[in-house]
Amino acid sequence: MADEQTLVLLGQNLVFMPRIMGAAQAAGLTTRYASSGREFWAAFEESRPALVLVDLEGDSDVWTEVLQELQASDHDVRVVAFGQHSDIESLERARSLGCGRVLTKGEFSRDMQPVIAGEVSR
């Protein structure tokens, strides 16, 4: 059962993190941050989040492995990935790995609050 109060963010961009945490807090959510696969799975298993955010600018080996494992599992969690508009390969890879929503970083940044709130309330 998902914890409707938690989202897990997988990425390494600490500069962007405060904006995500602020949007999550405004939606009544706690943010768990993970920069590695091990950290992600520890946070995921502990909180059973309703939403996973994946920053595609992070280590592609890490997010690819996590998304493959999520796709192969029976975890019922919404996944939103975001990355540079010019990195079409990463955006397409995230789609092929089962992300429910894949946005450019500009789209995600512009619509962060409704994306986070909307994904959780679905």
C-alpha atoms as a PDB file:
ATOM      1  CA  MET A   1       0.000   0.000   0.000  1.00  0.00           C
ATOM      2  CA  ALA A   2       1.434   3.380  -0.985  1.00  0.00           C
ATOM      3  CA  ASP A   3       2.133   6.051   1.592  1.00  0.00           C
ATOM      4  CA  GLU A   4       0.171   8.991   0.196  1.00  0.00           C
ATOM      5  CA  GLN A   5       2.424  11.357   2.096  1.00  0.00           C
ATOM      6  CA  THR A   6       5.744  10.479   0.449  1.00  0.00           C
ATOM      7  CA  LEU A   7       7.536  10.889  -2.837  1.00  0.00           C
ATOM      8  CA  VAL A   8      10.998   9.584  -3.642  1.00  0.00           C
ATOM      9  CA  LEU A   9      13.287  11.679  -5.841  1.00  0.00           C
ATOM     10  CA  LEU A  10      16.072   9.860  -7.660  1.00  0.00           C
ATOM     11  CA  GLY A  11      18.807  12.144  -8.970  1.00  0.00           C
ATOM     12  CA  GLN A  12      22.015  13.965  -8.257  1.00  0.00           C
ATOM     13  CA  ASN A  13      21.030  17.593  -8.943  1.00  0.00           C
ATOM     14  CA  LEU A  14      21.087  19.167  -5.508  1.00  0.00           C
ATOM     15  CA  VAL A  15      20.506  22.648  -6.951  1.00  0.00           C
ATOM     16  CA  PHE A  16      17.030  21.698  -8.222  1.00  0.00           C
ATOM     17  CA  MET A  17      16.110  19.733  -5.105  1.00  0.00           C
ATOM     18  CA  PRO A  18      14.869  22.634  -2.905  1.00  0.00           C
ATOM     19  CA  ARG A  19      12.245  23.571  -5.520  1.00  0.00           C
ATOM     20  CA  ILE A  20      11.008  19.993  -5.647  1.00  0.00           C
ATOM     21  CA  MET A  21      10.917  19.763  -1.864  1.00  0.00           C
ATOM     22  CA  GLY A  22       8.983  23.034  -1.684  1.00  0.00           C
ATOM     23  CA  ALA A  23       6.410  21.857  -4.225  1.00  0.00           C
ATOM     24  CA  ALA A  24       6.078  18.526  -2.437  1.00  0.00           C
ATOM     25  CA  GLN A  25       5.651  20.209   0.923  1.00  0.00           C
ATOM     26  CA  ALA A  26       2.951  22.481  -0.517  1.00  0.00           C
ATOM     27  CA  ALA A  27       1.150  19.320  -1.664  1.00  0.00           C
ATOM     28  CA  GLY A  28       1.444  17.839   1.833  1.00  0.00           C
ATOM     29  CA  LEU A  29       4.208  15.400   0.943  1.00  0.00           C
ATOM     30  CA  THR A  30       7.508  14.429   2.449  1.00  0.00           C
ATOM     31  CA  THR A  31      10.396  14.067   0.008  1.00  0.00           C
ATOM     32  CA  ARG A  32      12.910  11.253   0.279  1.00  0.00           C
ATOM     33  CA  TYR A  33      16.063  11.849  -1.758  1.00  0.00           C
ATOM     34  CA  ALA A  34      18.213   9.124  -3.307  1.00  0.00           C
ATOM     35  CA  SER A  35      21.302   9.479  -5.471  1.00  0.00           C
ATOM     36  CA  SER A  36      22.082   5.777  -5.881  1.00  0.00           C
ATOM     37  CA  GLY A  37      20.147   2.605  -6.502  1.00  0.00           C
ATOM     38  CA  ARG A  38      20.802   1.399  -2.976  1.00  0.00           C
ATOM     39  CA  GLU A  39      19.536   4.662  -1.468  1.00  0.00           C
ATOM     40  CA  PHE A  40      16.498   4.572  -3.744  1.00  0.00           C
ATOM     41  CA  TRP A  41      15.460   1.059  -2.756  1.00  0.00           C
ATOM     42  CA  ALA A  42      16.014   1.769   0.941  1.00  0.00           C
ATOM     43  CA  ALA A  43      13.779   4.859   0.723  1.00  0.00           C
ATOM     44  CA  PHE A  44      11.262   3.070  -1.479  1.00  0.00           C
ATOM     45  CA  GLU A  45      10.867   0.050   0.772  1.00  0.00           C
ATOM     46  CA  GLU A  46      10.697   2.172   3.917  1.00  0.00           C
ATOM     47  CA  SER A  47       8.135   4.691   2.666  1.00  0.00           C
ATOM     48  CA  ARG A  48       6.255   2.824  -0.115  1.00  0.00           C
ATOM     49  CA  PRO A  49       5.746   6.140  -1.935  1.00  0.00           C
ATOM     50  CA  ALA A  50       2.836   7.135  -4.105  1.00  0.00           C
ATOM     51  CA  LEU A  51       5.139   9.023  -6.485  1.00  0.00           C
ATOM     52  CA  VAL A  52       8.677   8.567  -7.773  1.00  0.00           C
ATOM     53  CA  LEU A  53      10.428  11.444  -9.537  1.00  0.00           C
ATOM     54  CA  VAL A  54      13.437  10.622 -11.706  1.00  0.00           C
ATOM     55  CA  ASP A  55      15.877  13.337 -12.742  1.00  0.00           C
ATOM     56  CA  LEU A  56      17.258  12.113 -16.066  1.00  0.00           C
ATOM     57  CA  GLU A  57      20.255  14.435 -15.756  1.00  0.00           C
ATOM     58  CA  GLY A  58      21.557  12.101 -13.068  1.00  0.00           C
ATOM     59  CA  ASP A  59      23.676   9.008 -13.577  1.00  0.00           C
ATOM     60  CA  SER A  60      21.944   7.169 -16.430  1.00  0.00           C
ATOM     61  CA  ASP A  61      23.203   3.789 -15.225  1.00  0.00           C
ATOM     62  CA  VAL A  62      21.510   4.378 -11.859  1.00  0.00           C
ATOM     63  CA  TRP A  63      18.136   5.573 -13.131  1.00  0.00           C
ATOM     64  CA  THR A  64      18.047   3.005 -15.929  1.00  0.00           C
ATOM     65  CA  GLU A  65      18.611   0.161 -13.477  1.00  0.00           C
ATOM     66  CA  VAL A  66      16.012   1.502 -11.030  1.00  0.00           C
ATOM     67  CA  LEU A  67      13.422   1.944 -13.782  1.00  0.00           C
ATOM     68  CA  GLN A  68      14.112  -1.542 -15.150  1.00  0.00           C
ATOM     69  CA  GLU A  69      13.626  -3.035 -11.690  1.00  0.00           C
ATOM     70  CA  LEU A  70      10.438  -1.034 -11.104  1.00  0.00           C
ATOM     71  CA  GLN A  71       9.083  -2.120 -14.479  1.00  0.00           C
ATOM     72  CA  ALA A  72       9.865  -5.784 -13.774  1.00  0.00           C
ATOM     73  CA  SER A  73       8.306  -5.680 -10.316  1.00  0.00           C
ATOM     74  CA  ASP A  74       4.707  -5.545  -9.195  1.00  0.00           C
ATOM     75  CA  HIS A  75       5.129  -2.201  -7.421  1.00  0.00           C
ATOM     76  CA  ASP A  76       2.147   0.056  -7.985  1.00  0.00           C
ATOM     77  CA  VAL A  77       3.752   3.482  -8.023  1.00  0.00           C
ATOM     78  CA  ARG A  78       3.441   6.454 -10.332  1.00  0.00           C
ATOM     79  CA  VAL A  79       6.700   7.491 -11.966  1.00  0.00           C
ATOM     80  CA  VAL A  80       7.449  10.890 -13.489  1.00  0.00           C
ATOM     81  CA  ALA A  81      10.772  11.485 -15.205  1.00  0.00           C
ATOM     82  CA  PHE A  82      12.165  14.818 -16.340  1.00  0.00           C
ATOM     83  CA  GLY A  83      15.248  15.798 -18.298  1.00  0.00           C
ATOM     84  CA  GLN A  84      16.807  18.223 -20.732  1.00  0.00           C
ATOM     85  CA  HIS A  85      14.717  18.834 -23.855  1.00  0.00           C
ATOM     86  CA  SER A  86      17.807  18.264 -25.963  1.00  0.00           C
ATOM     87  CA  ASP A  87      18.470  14.818 -24.469  1.00  0.00           C
ATOM     88  CA  ILE A  88      15.922  12.995 -26.586  1.00  0.00           C
ATOM     89  CA  GLU A  89      17.633   9.640 -26.042  1.00  0.00           C
ATOM     90  CA  SER A  90      17.162   9.791 -22.248  1.00  0.00           C
ATOM     91  CA  LEU A  91      13.574  11.005 -22.547  1.00  0.00           C
ATOM     92  CA  GLU A  92      12.753   8.141 -24.917  1.00  0.00           C
ATOM     93  CA  ARG A  93      14.580   5.581 -22.744  1.00  0.00           C
ATOM     94  CA  ALA A  94      12.547   6.687 -19.702  1.00  0.00           C
ATOM     95  CA  ARG A  95       9.332   6.239 -21.716  1.00  0.00           C
ATOM     96  CA  SER A  96      10.412   2.783 -22.850  1.00  0.00           C
ATOM     97  CA  LEU A  97      11.184   1.825 -19.243  1.00  0.00           C
ATOM     98  CA  GLY A  98       7.624   2.460 -18.131  1.00  0.00           C
ATOM     99  CA  CYS A  99       7.590   6.016 -16.805  1.00  0.00           C
ATOM    100  CA  GLY A 100       3.985   7.104 -16.669  1.00  0.00           C
ATOM    101  CA  ARG A 101       4.957  10.637 -17.545  1.00  0.00           C
ATOM    102  CA  VAL A 102       8.121  11.999 -19.142  1.00  0.00           C
ATOM    103  CA  LEU A 103       8.600  15.757 -19.244  1.00  0.00           C
ATOM    104  CA  THR A 104      11.289  18.137 -20.307  1.00  0.00           C
ATOM    105  CA  LYS A 105      12.911  19.902 -17.399  1.00  0.00           C
ATOM    106  CA  GLY A 106      11.274  23.138 -18.547  1.00  0.00           C
ATOM    107  CA  GLU A 107       7.818  21.545 -18.536  1.00  0.00           C
ATOM    108  CA  PHE A 108       8.414  19.992 -15.150  1.00  0.00           C
ATOM    109  CA  SER A 109       9.816  23.205 -13.703  1.00  0.00           C
ATOM    110  CA  ARG A 110       6.899  25.254 -15.036  1.00  0.00           C
ATOM    111  CA  ASP A 111       4.219  22.800 -13.893  1.00  0.00           C
ATOM    112  CA  MET A 112       5.971  21.250 -10.895  1.00  0.00           C
ATOM    113  CA  GLN A 113       3.269  21.898  -8.301  1.00  0.00           C
ATOM    114  CA  PRO A 114       0.332  20.554 -10.351  1.00  0.00           C
ATOM    115  CA  VAL A 115       2.400  17.624 -11.638  1.00  0.00           C
ATOM    116  CA  ILE A 116       3.310  16.576  -8.103  1.00  0.00           C
ATOM    117  CA  ALA A 117      -0.152  17.222  -6.672  1.00  0.00           C
ATOM    118  CA  GLY A 118      -1.908  15.718  -9.691  1.00  0.00           C
ATOM    119  CA  GLU A 119       0.171  12.590  -9.744  1.00  0.00           C
ATOM    120  CA  VAL A 120      -0.452  11.939  -6.069  1.00  0.00           C
ATOM    121  CA  SER A 121      -4.192  12.543  -6.197  1.00  0.00           C
ATOM    122  CA  ARG A 122      -4.827  10.307  -9.247  1.00  0.00           C
END
